[in-house]
């Protein structure tokens, strides 16, 4: 339940009848995850009569549903795997609006699969770093093996906590004996690591919780030792970009977008900035200590967008890195804004070339 609403009846969040199919994804360690398949609007319009005749509510066998067949049987269908942030469920806050905004870029092609992690919403279990990665892998394997959508037609969207999960996912899938590489990754409001996040997190954007300790690295390291989940996103991002750049496999490519609003009170936008330039430094085969030198060129690289903030694009042999820093959007509003919808669509278009 979300605010007294049953997540198995998505019409309560403004969706058309049976536009969203609630179902479950099974994980390798025995968890059952609540999920939504969100149908693009034009596909729904073309099949409305048949869709509304089907029963509503959670589906036990999604393979038998019309909406699922419309995804699986369409060779032009595109898929977004949606990994949400730390609070609430897949129906909370601005997420329903975000789903609609994403599909709007191509209402006849872009389907969305979203899950709640273990311990979230109606799911049992306790969230953990390893557990959430298993959950993301379950969604990814469902998309590939059950829905039959190859990674090259799939973009990973993630926000806040979900960005760390997404990075772990793409690195893990790329390191398999039969490696897979997605069309791209779009991250909104990412963080460098849990350790750095605890040092910079602010209450209502005003009171830094641990910033006084940040001046004393030994104390910060001591505190971080008590945090079970490390989520070292910056290291995972570097590893993935390095892997692609050094691989002789032509499919080992990356298309990564970082979007981070400057007025984000929860995760300061500097986290997104540090991640982006760490990826740039890795793609340019620079050592860690050169990132500070690279910083001298950041201002020149920015394409100013007035009150819209700025953007940066960096293209390399095996991939492309995009950064969007809008002036406005806070922590959650941004994911429903056009900057994110455009980023996802641009990622698909770039992957078609």
Foldseek 3Di string as FASTA:
>chain_A
DPPPDDPQACVVVVDDGQQKAWEWFAFPVGWIWIKIKHAQDVQCVVCVVVRNVDDGGHDYCCLPHPRLCLQQVDPQAAEEEEFEADDAFCSDDCNVLLLNLQCVVPRNHYMYMYIGFAPHDPIHDDDDLVRLLRVVVRVVCCCCPVSVDAQQRYEYEYAERRLLSVLSNQLVQCPDPPHGHHLEYEYELYAQKPLVLLCAFADVLPHRPNVVCVVPVVVSVVVVVVPRHISRVLVSLLVLLLCLLPDPDLRSAYEYEYEYECQANGRHCVRSVVSLLSSVCSLVVHDPVCSVVVVVCVVVQWDQDVQQGTKGWDDHDRYIYIYGYGNDQYRDRVSSDNVNSVSVVVSSVVSVD
